[in-house]
Amino acid sequence: DNNYVIDPKGRISTQIVGGRIITVRDPRLARMRFDIVGNRCEVDPSHQ
């Protein structure tokens, strides 16, 4: 569902993977970024 609410400033969340503490990445923030740029490369939107 695209009708999600999330703070664009994000939050710090961690979990233990393979004995290491890693920072969790929220895929919804990436979706927001993809929507903003129309699923195009930000270095050059013409990149195929």
ModelCIF file with pLDDT and N, C-alpha, C, O atoms, coordinates in Angstrom:
data_MODEL
#
_entry.id   MODEL 
#
_entity.id                         1 
_entity.type                       polymer 
_entity.pdbx_number_of_molecules   1 
#
_entity_poly.entity_id                      1 
_entity_poly.type                           'polypeptide(L)' 
_entity_poly.nstd_linkage                   no 
_entity_poly.nstd_monomer                   no 
_entity_poly.pdbx_seq_one_letter_code       DNNYVIDPKGRISTQIVGGRIITVRDPRLARMRFDIVGNRCEVDPSHQ 
_entity_poly.pdbx_seq_one_letter_code_can   DNNYVIDPKGRISTQIVGGRIITVRDPRLARMRFDIVGNRCEVDPSHQ 
_entity_poly.pdbx_strand_id                 A 
#
loop_
_entity_poly_seq.entity_id 
_entity_poly_seq.num 
_entity_poly_seq.mon_id 
_entity_poly_seq.hetero 
1 1  ASP n 
1 2  ASN n 
1 3  ASN n 
1 4  TYR n 
1 5  VAL n 
1 6  ILE n 
1 7  ASP n 
1 8  PRO n 
1 9  LYS n 
1 10 GLY n 
1 11 ARG n 
1 12 ILE n 
1 13 SER n 
1 14 THR n 
1 15 GLN n 
1 16 ILE n 
1 17 VAL n 
1 18 GLY n 
1 19 GLY n 
1 20 ARG n 
1 21 ILE n 
1 22 ILE n 
1 23 THR n 
1 24 VAL n 
1 25 ARG n 
1 26 ASP n 
1 27 PRO n 
1 28 ARG n 
1 29 LEU n 
1 30 ALA n 
1 31 ARG n 
1 32 MET n 
1 33 ARG n 
1 34 PHE n 
1 35 ASP n 
1 36 ILE n 
1 37 VAL n 
1 38 GLY n 
1 39 ASN n 
1 40 ARG n 
1 41 CYS n 
1 42 GLU n 
1 43 VAL n 
1 44 ASP n 
1 45 PRO n 
1 46 SER n 
1 47 HIS n 
1 48 GLN n 
#
_struct_asym.id          A 
_struct_asym.entity_id   1 
#
loop_
_ma_qa_metric.id 
_ma_qa_metric.mode 
_ma_qa_metric.name 
_ma_qa_metric.software_group_id 
_ma_qa_metric.type 
1 global pLDDT . pLDDT 
2 local  pLDDT . pLDDT 
#
_ma_qa_metric_global.metric_id      1 
_ma_qa_metric_global.metric_value   90.81 
_ma_qa_metric_global.model_id       1 
_ma_qa_metric_global.ordinal_id     1 
#
loop_
_ma_qa_metric_local.label_asym_id 
_ma_qa_metric_local.label_comp_id 
_ma_qa_metric_local.label_seq_id 
_ma_qa_metric_local.metric_id 
_ma_qa_metric_local.metric_value 
_ma_qa_metric_local.model_id 
_ma_qa_metric_local.ordinal_id 
A ASP 1  2 61.00 1 1  
A ASN 2  2 62.00 1 2  
A ASN 3  2 63.00 1 3  
A TYR 4  2 66.00 1 4  
A VAL 5  2 75.00 1 5  
A ILE 6  2 87.00 1 6  
A ASP 7  2 93.00 1 7  
A PRO 8  2 95.00 1 8  
A LYS 9  2 95.00 1 9  
A GLY 10 2 95.00 1 10 
A ARG 11 2 95.00 1 11 
A ILE 12 2 95.00 1 12 
A SER 13 2 94.00 1 13 
A THR 14 2 93.00 1 14 
A GLN 15 2 92.00 1 15 
A ILE 16 2 90.00 1 16 
A VAL 17 2 85.00 1 17 
A GLY 18 2 82.00 1 18 
A GLY 19 2 86.00 1 19 
A ARG 20 2 84.00 1 20 
A ILE 21 2 89.00 1 21 
A ILE 22 2 90.00 1 22 
A THR 23 2 94.00 1 23 
A VAL 24 2 95.00 1 24 
A ARG 25 2 95.00 1 25 
A ASP 26 2 95.00 1 26 
A PRO 27 2 95.00 1 27 
A ARG 28 2 94.00 1 28 
A LEU 29 2 96.00 1 29 
A ALA 30 2 96.00 1 30 
A ARG 31 2 94.00 1 31 
A MET 32 2 94.00 1 32 
A ARG 33 2 96.00 1 33 
A PHE 34 2 96.00 1 34 
A ASP 35 2 94.00 1 35 
A ILE 36 2 95.00 1 36 
A VAL 37 2 97.00 1 37 
A GLY 38 2 96.00 1 38 
A ASN 39 2 96.00 1 39 
A ARG 40 2 97.00 1 40 
A CYS 41 2 98.00 1 41 
A GLU 42 2 98.00 1 42 
A VAL 43 2 98.00 1 43 
A ASP 44 2 98.00 1 44 
A PRO 45 2 97.00 1 45 
A SER 46 2 97.00 1 46 
A HIS 47 2 97.00 1 47 
A GLN 48 2 94.00 1 48 
#
loop_
_atom_site.group_PDB 
_atom_site.id 
_atom_site.type_symbol 
_atom_site.label_atom_id 
_atom_site.label_alt_id 
_atom_site.label_comp_id 
_atom_site.label_asym_id 
_atom_site.label_entity_id 
_atom_site.label_seq_id 
_atom_site.pdbx_PDB_ins_code 
_atom_site.Cartn_x 
_atom_site.Cartn_y 
_atom_site.Cartn_z 
_atom_site.occupancy 
_atom_site.B_iso_or_equiv 
_atom_site.pdbx_formal_charge 
_atom_site.auth_seq_id 
_atom_site.auth_comp_id 
_atom_site.auth_asym_id 
_atom_site.auth_atom_id 
_atom_site.pdbx_PDB_model_num 
ATOM 1   N N  . ASP A 1 1  ? 0.836  -1.194  0.000   1.00 61.00 ? 1  ASP A N  1 
ATOM 2   C CA . ASP A 1 1  ? 0.000  0.000   0.000   1.00 61.00 ? 1  ASP A CA 1 
ATOM 3   C C  . ASP A 1 1  ? 0.878  1.254   0.000   1.00 61.00 ? 1  ASP A C  1 
ATOM 4   O O  . ASP A 1 1  ? 1.778  1.386   0.829   1.00 61.00 ? 1  ASP A O  1 
ATOM 5   N N  . ASN A 1 2  ? 0.614  2.166   -0.926  1.00 62.00 ? 2  ASN A N  1 
ATOM 6   C CA . ASN A 1 2  ? 1.403  3.400   -1.028  1.00 62.00 ? 2  ASN A CA 1 
ATOM 7   C C  . ASN A 1 2  ? 0.976  4.474   -0.026  1.00 62.00 ? 2  ASN A C  1 
ATOM 8   O O  . ASN A 1 2  ? 1.657  5.490   0.118   1.00 62.00 ? 2  ASN A O  1 
ATOM 9   N N  . ASN A 1 3  ? -0.127 4.262   0.656   1.00 63.00 ? 3  ASN A N  1 
ATOM 10  C CA . ASN A 1 3  ? -0.612 5.261   1.605   1.00 63.00 ? 3  ASN A CA 1 
ATOM 11  C C  . ASN A 1 3  ? 0.034  5.044   2.970   1.00 63.00 ? 3  ASN A C  1 
ATOM 12  O O  . ASN A 1 3  ? -0.637 4.700   3.944   1.00 63.00 ? 3  ASN A O  1 
ATOM 13  N N  . TYR A 1 4  ? 1.339  5.251   3.022   1.00 66.00 ? 4  TYR A N  1 
ATOM 14  C CA . TYR A 1 4  ? 2.074  5.066   4.265   1.00 66.00 ? 4  TYR A CA 1 
ATOM 15  C C  . TYR A 1 4  ? 2.499  6.418   4.806   1.00 66.00 ? 4  TYR A C  1 
ATOM 16  O O  . TYR A 1 4  ? 2.667  7.379   4.054   1.00 66.00 ? 4  TYR A O  1 
ATOM 17  N N  . VAL A 1 5  ? 2.670  6.481   6.108   1.00 75.00 ? 5  VAL A N  1 
ATOM 18  C CA . VAL A 1 5  ? 3.122  7.702   6.767   1.00 75.00 ? 5  VAL A CA 1 
ATOM 19  C C  . VAL A 1 5  ? 4.444  7.400   7.448   1.00 75.00 ? 5  VAL A C  1 
ATOM 20  O O  . VAL A 1 5  ? 4.538  6.476   8.256   1.00 75.00 ? 5  VAL A O  1 
ATOM 21  N N  . ILE A 1 6  ? 5.457  8.176   7.123   1.00 87.00 ? 6  ILE A N  1 
ATOM 22  C CA . ILE A 1 6  ? 6.776  7.962   7.700   1.00 87.00 ? 6  ILE A CA 1 
ATOM 23  C C  . ILE A 1 6  ? 7.507  9.295   7.772   1.00 87.00 ? 6  ILE A C  1 
ATOM 24  O O  . ILE A 1 6  ? 7.376  10.138  6.884   1.00 87.00 ? 6  ILE A O  1 
ATOM 25  N N  . ASP A 1 7  ? 8.269  9.471   8.827   1.00 93.00 ? 7  ASP A N  1 
ATOM 26  C CA . ASP A 1 7  ? 9.039  10.705  9.012   1.00 93.00 ? 7  ASP A CA 1 
ATOM 27  C C  . ASP A 1 7  ? 10.243 10.679  8.074   1.00 93.00 ? 7  ASP A C  1 
ATOM 28  O O  . ASP A 1 7  ? 11.074 9.777   8.176   1.00 93.00 ? 7  ASP A O  1 
ATOM 29  N N  . PRO A 1 8  ? 10.357 11.650  7.159   1.00 95.00 ? 8  PRO A N  1 
ATOM 30  C CA . PRO A 1 8  ? 11.500 11.661  6.228   1.00 95.00 ? 8  PRO A CA 1 
ATOM 31  C C  . PRO A 1 8  ? 12.849 11.831  6.921   1.00 95.00 ? 8  PRO A C  1 
ATOM 32  O O  . PRO A 1 8  ? 13.892 11.571  6.322   1.00 95.00 ? 8  PRO A O  1 
ATOM 33  N N  . LYS A 1 9  ? 12.831 12.267  8.184   1.00 95.00 ? 9  LYS A N  1 
ATOM 34  C CA . LYS A 1 9  ? 14.087 12.396  8.922   1.00 95.00 ? 9  LYS A CA 1 
ATOM 35  C C  . LYS A 1 9  ? 14.604 11.049  9.401   1.00 95.00 ? 9  LYS A C  1 
ATOM 36  O O  . LYS A 1 9  ? 15.749 10.932  9.838   1.00 95.00 ? 9  LYS A O  1 
ATOM 37  N N  . GLY A 1 10 ? 13.743 10.023  9.315   1.00 95.00 ? 10 GLY A N  1 
ATOM 38  C CA . GLY A 1 10 ? 14.150 8.676   9.678   1.00 95.00 ? 10 GLY A CA 1 
ATOM 39  C C  . GLY A 1 10 ? 14.315 8.495   11.172  1.00 95.00 ? 10 GLY A C  1 
ATOM 40  O O  . GLY A 1 10 ? 14.009 9.387   11.963  1.00 95.00 ? 10 GLY A O  1 
ATOM 41  N N  . ARG A 1 11 ? 14.803 7.323   11.540  1.00 95.00 ? 11 ARG A N  1 
ATOM 42  C CA . ARG A 1 11 ? 15.099 7.026   12.938  1.00 95.00 ? 11 ARG A CA 1 
ATOM 43  C C  . ARG A 1 11 ? 16.207 5.989   12.993  1.00 95.00 ? 11 ARG A C  1 
ATOM 44  O O  . ARG A 1 11 ? 16.431 5.250   12.034  1.00 95.00 ? 11 ARG A O  1 
ATOM 45  N N  . ILE A 1 12 ? 16.894 5.942   14.119  1.00 95.00 ? 12 ILE A N  1 
ATOM 46  C CA . ILE A 1 12 ? 17.976 4.971   14.293  1.00 95.00 ? 12 ILE A CA 1 
ATOM 47  C C  . ILE A 1 12 ? 17.413 3.705   14.918  1.00 95.00 ? 12 ILE A C  1 
ATOM 48  O O  . ILE A 1 12 ? 16.847 3.728   16.011  1.00 95.00 ? 12 ILE A O  1 
ATOM 49  N N  . SER A 1 13 ? 17.580 2.615   14.211  1.00 94.00 ? 13 SER A N  1 
ATOM 50  C CA . SER A 1 13 ? 17.140 1.315   14.703  1.00 94.00 ? 13 SER A CA 1 
ATOM 51  C C  . SER A 1 13 ? 18.234 0.296   14.385  1.00 94.00 ? 13 SER A C  1 
ATOM 52  O O  . SER A 1 13 ? 18.796 0.306   13.290  1.00 94.00 ? 13 SER A O  1 
ATOM 53  N N  . THR A 1 14 ? 18.532 -0.575  15.338  1.00 93.00 ? 14 THR A N  1 
ATOM 54  C CA . THR A 1 14 ? 19.599 -1.556  15.134  1.00 93.00 ? 14 THR A CA 1 
ATOM 55  C C  . THR A 1 14 ? 19.092 -2.972  15.397  1.00 93.00 ? 14 THR A C  1 
ATOM 56  O O  . THR A 1 14 ? 18.078 -3.176  16.065  1.00 93.00 ? 14 THR A O  1 
ATOM 57  N N  . GLN A 1 15 ? 19.816 -3.930  14.860  1.00 92.00 ? 15 GLN A N  1 
ATOM 58  C CA . GLN A 1 15 ? 19.563 -5.328  15.159  1.00 92.00 ? 15 GLN A CA 1 
ATOM 59  C C  . GLN A 1 15 ? 20.871 -6.089  15.066  1.00 92.00 ? 15 GLN A C  1 
ATOM 60  O O  . GLN A 1 15 ? 21.840 -5.608  14.480  1.00 92.00 ? 15 GLN A O  1 
ATOM 61  N N  . ILE A 1 16 ? 20.893 -7.272  15.643  1.00 90.00 ? 16 ILE A N  1 
ATOM 62  C CA . ILE A 1 16 ? 22.100 -8.095  15.621  1.00 90.00 ? 16 ILE A CA 1 
ATOM 63  C C  . ILE A 1 16 ? 21.988 -9.115  14.501  1.00 90.00 ? 16 ILE A C  1 
ATOM 64  O O  . ILE A 1 16 ? 21.035 -9.893  14.459  1.00 90.00 ? 16 ILE A O  1 
ATOM 65  N N  . VAL A 1 17 ? 22.954 -9.116  13.595  1.00 85.00 ? 17 VAL A N  1 
ATOM 66  C CA . VAL A 1 17 ? 23.004 -10.057 12.482  1.00 85.00 ? 17 VAL A CA 1 
ATOM 67  C C  . VAL A 1 17 ? 24.385 -10.701 12.474  1.00 85.00 ? 17 VAL A C  1 
ATOM 68  O O  . VAL A 1 17 ? 25.396 -10.012 12.338  1.00 85.00 ? 17 VAL A O  1 
ATOM 69  N N  . GLY A 1 18 ? 24.424 -12.021 12.619  1.00 82.00 ? 18 GLY A N  1 
ATOM 70  C CA . GLY A 1 18 ? 25.706 -12.724 12.613  1.00 82.00 ? 18 GLY A CA 1 
ATOM 71  C C  . GLY A 1 18 ? 26.653 -12.245 13.696  1.00 82.00 ? 18 GLY A C  1 
ATOM 72  O O  . GLY A 1 18 ? 27.868 -12.219 13.499  1.00 82.00 ? 18 GLY A O  1 
ATOM 73  N N  . GLY A 1 19 ? 26.099 -11.865 14.842  1.00 86.00 ? 19 GLY A N  1 
ATOM 74  C CA . GLY A 1 19 ? 26.921 -11.399 15.953  1.00 86.00 ? 19 GLY A CA 1 
ATOM 75  C C  . GLY A 1 19 ? 27.353 -9.957  15.851  1.00 86.00 ? 19 GLY A C  1 
ATOM 76  O O  . GLY A 1 19 ? 28.063 -9.462  16.727  1.00 86.00 ? 19 GLY A O  1 
ATOM 77  N N  . ARG A 1 20 ? 26.935 -9.257  14.781  1.00 84.00 ? 20 ARG A N  1 
ATOM 78  C CA . ARG A 1 20 ? 27.291 -7.848  14.602  1.00 84.00 ? 20 ARG A CA 1 
ATOM 79  C C  . ARG A 1 20 ? 26.063 -6.976  14.781  1.00 84.00 ? 20 ARG A C  1 
ATOM 80  O O  . ARG A 1 20 ? 24.951 -7.375  14.433  1.00 84.00 ? 20 ARG A O  1 
ATOM 81  N N  . ILE A 1 21 ? 26.263 -5.796  15.318  1.00 89.00 ? 21 ILE A N  1 
ATOM 82  C CA . ILE A 1 21 ? 25.173 -4.819  15.415  1.00 89.00 ? 21 ILE A CA 1 
ATOM 83  C C  . ILE A 1 21 ? 25.139 -4.022  14.115  1.00 89.00 ? 21 ILE A C  1 
ATOM 84  O O  . ILE A 1 21 ? 26.130 -3.385  13.757  1.00 89.00 ? 21 ILE A O  1 
ATOM 85  N N  . ILE A 1 22 ? 24.023 -4.047  13.410  1.00 90.00 ? 22 ILE A N  1 
ATOM 86  C CA . ILE A 1 22 ? 23.893 -3.297  12.164  1.00 90.00 ? 22 ILE A CA 1 
ATOM 87  C C  . ILE A 1 22 ? 22.742 -2.305  12.283  1.00 90.00 ? 22 ILE A C  1 
ATOM 88  O O  . ILE A 1 22 ? 21.822 -2.495  13.078  1.00 90.00 ? 22 ILE A O  1 
ATOM 89  N N  . THR A 1 23 ? 22.805 -1.255  11.488  1.00 94.00 ? 23 THR A N  1 
ATOM 90  C CA . THR A 1 23 ? 21.738 -0.263  11.445  1.00 94.00 ? 23 THR A CA 1 
ATOM 91  C C  . THR A 1 23 ? 20.682 -0.709  10.439  1.00 94.00 ? 23 THR A C  1 
ATOM 92  O O  . THR A 1 23 ? 20.995 -1.027  9.292   1.00 94.00 ? 23 THR A O  1 
ATOM 93  N N  . VAL A 1 24 ? 19.436 -0.729  10.882  1.00 95.00 ? 24 VAL A N  1 
ATOM 94  C CA . VAL A 1 24 ? 18.331 -1.160  10.030  1.00 95.00 ? 24 VAL A CA 1 
ATOM 95  C C  . VAL A 1 24 ? 17.953 -0.035  9.076   1.00 95.00 ? 24 VAL A C  1 
ATOM 96  O O  . VAL A 1 24 ? 17.876 1.127   9.476   1.00 95.00 ? 24 VAL A O  1 
ATOM 97  N N  . ARG A 1 25 ? 17.718 -0.383  7.815   1.00 95.00 ? 25 ARG A N  1 
ATOM 98  C CA . ARG A 1 25 ? 17.319 0.572   6.790   1.00 95.00 ? 25 ARG A CA 1 
ATOM 99  C C  . ARG A 1 25 ? 15.843 0.384   6.452   1.00 95.00 ? 25 ARG A C  1 
ATOM 100 O O  . ARG A 1 25 ? 15.402 -0.735  6.189   1.00 95.00 ? 25 ARG A O  1 
ATOM 101 N N  . ASP A 1 26 ? 15.089 1.464   6.460   1.00 95.00 ? 26 ASP A N  1 
ATOM 102 C CA . ASP A 1 26 ? 13.651 1.393   6.209   1.00 95.00 ? 26 ASP A CA 1 
ATOM 103 C C  . ASP A 1 26 ? 13.396 1.506   4.704   1.00 95.00 ? 26 ASP A C  1 
ATOM 104 O O  . ASP A 1 26 ? 13.669 2.558   4.124   1.00 95.00 ? 26 ASP A O  1 
ATOM 105 N N  . PRO A 1 27 ? 12.887 0.468   4.061   1.00 95.00 ? 27 PRO A N  1 
ATOM 106 C CA . PRO A 1 27 ? 12.679 0.525   2.607   1.00 95.00 ? 27 PRO A CA 1 
ATOM 107 C C  . PRO A 1 27 ? 11.662 1.570   2.172   1.00 95.00 ? 27 PRO A C  1 
ATOM 108 O O  . PRO A 1 27 ? 11.668 2.001   1.019   1.00 95.00 ? 27 PRO A O  1 
ATOM 109 N N  . ARG A 1 28 ? 10.788 1.980   3.088   1.00 94.00 ? 28 ARG A N  1 
ATOM 110 C CA . ARG A 1 28 ? 9.782  2.985   2.727   1.00 94.00 ? 28 ARG A CA 1 
ATOM 111 C C  . ARG A 1 28 ? 10.411 4.336   2.411   1.00 94.00 ? 28 ARG A C  1 
ATOM 112 O O  . ARG A 1 28 ? 9.903  5.078   1.570   1.00 94.00 ? 28 ARG A O  1 
ATOM 113 N N  . LEU A 1 29 ? 11.522 4.660   3.084   1.00 96.00 ? 29 LEU A N  1 
ATOM 114 C CA . LEU A 1 29 ? 12.224 5.907   2.777   1.00 96.00 ? 29 LEU A CA 1 
ATOM 115 C C  . LEU A 1 29 ? 12.805 5.864   1.368   1.00 96.00 ? 29 LEU A C  1 
ATOM 116 O O  . LEU A 1 29 ? 12.774 6.858   0.643   1.00 96.00 ? 29 LEU A O  1 
ATOM 117 N N  . ALA A 1 30 ? 13.335 4.704   0.988   1.00 96.00 ? 30 ALA A N  1 
ATOM 118 C CA . ALA A 1 30 ? 13.848 4.555   -0.373  1.00 96.00 ? 30 ALA A CA 1 
ATOM 119 C C  . ALA A 1 30 ? 12.715 4.682   -1.389  1.00 96.00 ? 30 ALA A C  1 
ATOM 120 O O  . ALA A 1 30 ? 12.899 5.277   -2.450  1.00 96.00 ? 30 ALA A O  1 
ATOM 121 N N  . ARG A 1 31 ? 11.556 4.133   -1.074  1.00 94.00 ? 31 ARG A N  1 
ATOM 122 C CA . ARG A 1 31 ? 10.392 4.275   -1.963  1.00 94.00 ? 31 ARG A CA 1 
ATOM 123 C C  . ARG A 1 31 ? 10.036 5.743   -2.155  1.00 94.00 ? 31 ARG A C  1 
ATOM 124 O O  . ARG A 1 31 ? 9.728  6.179   -3.264  1.00 94.00 ? 31 ARG A O  1 
ATOM 125 N N  . MET A 1 32 ? 10.081 6.502   -1.055  1.00 94.00 ? 32 MET A N  1 
ATOM 126 C CA . MET A 1 32 ? 9.802  7.938   -1.154  1.00 94.00 ? 32 MET A CA 1 
ATOM 127 C C  . MET A 1 32 ? 10.784 8.615   -2.099  1.00 94.00 ? 32 MET A C  1 
ATOM 128 O O  . MET A 1 32 ? 10.392 9.441   -2.923  1.00 94.00 ? 32 MET A O  1 
ATOM 129 N N  . ARG A 1 33 ? 12.068 8.263   -1.979  1.00 96.00 ? 33 ARG A N  1 
ATOM 130 C CA . ARG A 1 33 ? 13.078 8.861   -2.846  1.00 96.00 ? 33 ARG A CA 1 
ATOM 131 C C  . ARG A 1 33 ? 12.840 8.465   -4.298  1.00 96.00 ? 33 ARG A C  1 
ATOM 132 O O  . ARG A 1 33 ? 12.943 9.306   -5.191  1.00 96.00 ? 33 ARG A O  1 
ATOM 133 N N  . PHE A 1 34 ? 12.520 7.186   -4.547  1.00 96.00 ? 34 PHE A N  1 
ATOM 134 C CA . PHE A 1 34 ? 12.255 6.729   -5.913  1.00 96.00 ? 34 PHE A CA 1 
ATOM 135 C C  . PHE A 1 34 ? 11.062 7.477   -6.503  1.00 96.00 ? 34 PHE A C  1 
ATOM 136 O O  . PHE A 1 34 ? 11.083 7.866   -7.670  1.00 96.00 ? 34 PHE A O  1 
ATOM 137 N N  . ASP A 1 35 ? 10.018 7.677   -5.687  1.00 94.00 ? 35 ASP A N  1 
ATOM 138 C CA . ASP A 1 35 ? 8.833  8.404   -6.164  1.00 94.00 ? 35 ASP A CA 1 
ATOM 139 C C  . ASP A 1 35 ? 9.181  9.838   -6.546  1.00 94.00 ? 35 ASP A C  1 
ATOM 140 O O  . ASP A 1 35 ? 8.703  10.350  -7.558  1.00 94.00 ? 35 ASP A O  1 
ATOM 141 N N  . ILE A 1 36 ? 10.014 10.484  -5.735  1.00 95.00 ? 36 ILE A N  1 
ATOM 142 C CA . ILE A 1 36 ? 10.387 11.881  -5.975  1.00 95.00 ? 36 ILE A CA 1 
ATOM 143 C C  . ILE A 1 36 ? 11.116 12.033  -7.309  1.00 95.00 ? 36 ILE A C  1 
ATOM 144 O O  . ILE A 1 36 ? 10.871 12.985  -8.051  1.00 95.00 ? 36 ILE A O  1 
ATOM 145 N N  . VAL A 1 37 ? 12.016 11.085  -7.613  1.00 97.00 ? 37 VAL A N  1 
ATOM 146 C CA . VAL A 1 37 ? 12.840 11.201  -8.830  1.00 97.00 ? 37 VAL A CA 1 
ATOM 147 C C  . VAL A 1 37 ? 12.276 10.389  -9.989  1.00 97.00 ? 37 VAL A C  1 
ATOM 148 O O  . VAL A 1 37 ? 12.898 10.308  -11.048 1.00 97.00 ? 37 VAL A O  1 
ATOM 149 N N  . GLY A 1 38 ? 11.116 9.792   -9.801  1.00 96.00 ? 38 GLY A N  1 
ATOM 150 C CA . GLY A 1 38 ? 10.488 9.057   -10.896 1.00 96.00 ? 38 GLY A CA 1 
ATOM 151 C C  . GLY A 1 38 ? 11.252 7.820   -11.312 1.00 96.00 ? 38 GLY A C  1 
ATOM 152 O O  . GLY A 1 38 ? 11.308 7.485   -12.495 1.00 96.00 ? 38 GLY A O  1 
ATOM 153 N N  . ASN A 1 39 ? 11.854 7.126   -10.323 1.00 96.00 ? 39 ASN A N  1 
ATOM 154 C CA . ASN A 1 39 ? 12.624 5.911   -10.603 1.00 96.00 ? 39 ASN A CA 1 
ATOM 155 C C  . ASN A 1 39 ? 13.702 6.138   -11.663 1.00 96.00 ? 39 ASN A C  1 
ATOM 156 O O  . ASN A 1 39 ? 13.892 5.323   -12.566 1.00 96.00 ? 39 ASN A O  1 
ATOM 157 N N  . ARG A 1 40 ? 14.400 7.262   -11.529 1.00 97.00 ? 40 ARG A N  1 
ATOM 158 C CA . ARG A 1 40 ? 15.500 7.572   -12.436 1.00 97.00 ? 40 ARG A CA 1 
ATOM 159 C C  . ARG A 1 40 ? 16.779 7.825   -11.642 1.00 97.00 ? 40 ARG A C  1 
ATOM 160 O O  . ARG A 1 40 ? 16.740 8.168   -10.461 1.00 97.00 ? 40 ARG A O  1 
ATOM 161 N N  . CYS A 1 41 ? 17.887 7.651   -12.307 1.00 98.00 ? 41 CYS A N  1 
ATOM 162 C CA . CYS A 1 41 ? 19.188 7.851   -11.675 1.00 98.00 ? 41 CYS A CA 1 
ATOM 163 C C  . CYS A 1 41 ? 19.398 9.331   -11.384 1.00 98.00 ? 41 CYS A C  1 
ATOM 164 O O  . CYS A 1 41 ? 19.210 10.174  -12.261 1.00 98.00 ? 41 CYS A O  1 
ATOM 165 N N  . GLU A 1 42 ? 19.785 9.646   -10.158 1.00 98.00 ? 42 GLU A N  1 
ATOM 166 C CA . GLU A 1 42 ? 19.971 11.053  -9.784  1.00 98.00 ? 42 GLU A CA 1 
ATOM 167 C C  . GLU A 1 42 ? 21.271 11.636  -10.323 1.00 98.00 ? 42 GLU A C  1 
ATOM 168 O O  . GLU A 1 42 ? 21.407 12.856  -10.408 1.00 98.00 ? 42 GLU A O  1 
ATOM 169 N N  . VAL A 1 43 ? 22.208 10.804  -10.682 1.00 98.00 ? 43 VAL A N  1 
ATOM 170 C CA . VAL A 1 43 ? 23.422 11.336  -11.315 1.00 98.00 ? 43 VAL A CA 1 
ATOM 171 C C  . VAL A 1 43 ? 23.084 11.889  -12.683 1.00 98.00 ? 43 VAL A C  1 
ATOM 172 O O  . VAL A 1 43 ? 23.547 12.967  -13.056 1.00 98.00 ? 43 VAL A O  1 
ATOM 173 N N  . ASP A 1 44 ? 22.272 11.148  -13.437 1.00 98.00 ? 44 ASP A N  1 
ATOM 174 C CA . ASP A 1 44 ? 21.832 11.580  -14.761 1.00 98.00 ? 44 ASP A CA 1 
ATOM 175 C C  . ASP A 1 44 ? 20.538 10.837  -15.091 1.00 98.00 ? 44 ASP A C  1 
ATOM 176 O O  . ASP A 1 44 ? 20.572 9.633   -15.348 1.00 98.00 ? 44 ASP A O  1 
ATOM 177 N N  . PRO A 1 45 ? 19.396 11.532  -15.089 1.00 97.00 ? 45 PRO A N  1 
ATOM 178 C CA . PRO A 1 45 ? 18.114 10.865  -15.341 1.00 97.00 ? 45 PRO A CA 1 
ATOM 179 C C  . PRO A 1 45 ? 18.034 10.164  -16.693 1.00 97.00 ? 45 PRO A C  1 
ATOM 180 O O  . PRO A 1 45 ? 17.150 9.334   -16.904 1.00 97.00 ? 45 PRO A O  1 
ATOM 181 N N  . SER A 1 46 ? 18.940 10.487  -17.607 1.00 97.00 ? 46 SER A N  1 
ATOM 182 C CA . SER A 1 46 ? 18.904 9.844   -18.912 1.00 97.00 ? 46 SER A CA 1 
ATOM 183 C C  . SER A 1 46 ? 19.612 8.487   -18.926 1.00 97.00 ? 46 SER A C  1 
ATOM 184 O O  . SER A 1 46 ? 19.570 7.778   -19.932 1.00 97.00 ? 46 SER A O  1 
ATOM 185 N N  . HIS A 1 47 ? 20.260 8.124   -17.822 1.00 97.00 ? 47 HIS A N  1 
ATOM 186 C CA . HIS A 1 47 ? 20.929 6.828   -17.769 1.00 97.00 ? 47 HIS A CA 1 
ATOM 187 C C  . HIS A 1 47 ? 19.919 5.712   -17.990 1.00 97.00 ? 47 HIS A C  1 
ATOM 188 O O  . HIS A 1 47 ? 18.884 5.643   -17.327 1.00 97.00 ? 47 HIS A O  1 
ATOM 189 N N  . GLN A 1 48 ? 20.245 4.847   -18.934 1.00 94.00 ? 48 GLN A N  1 
ATOM 190 C CA . GLN A 1 48 ? 19.341 3.759   -19.269 1.00 94.00 ? 48 GLN A CA 1 
ATOM 191 C C  . GLN A 1 48 ? 19.472 2.619   -18.264 1.00 94.00 ? 48 GLN A C  1 
ATOM 192 O O  . GLN A 1 48 ? 18.782 1.606   -18.385 1.00 94.00 ? 48 GLN A O  1 
#
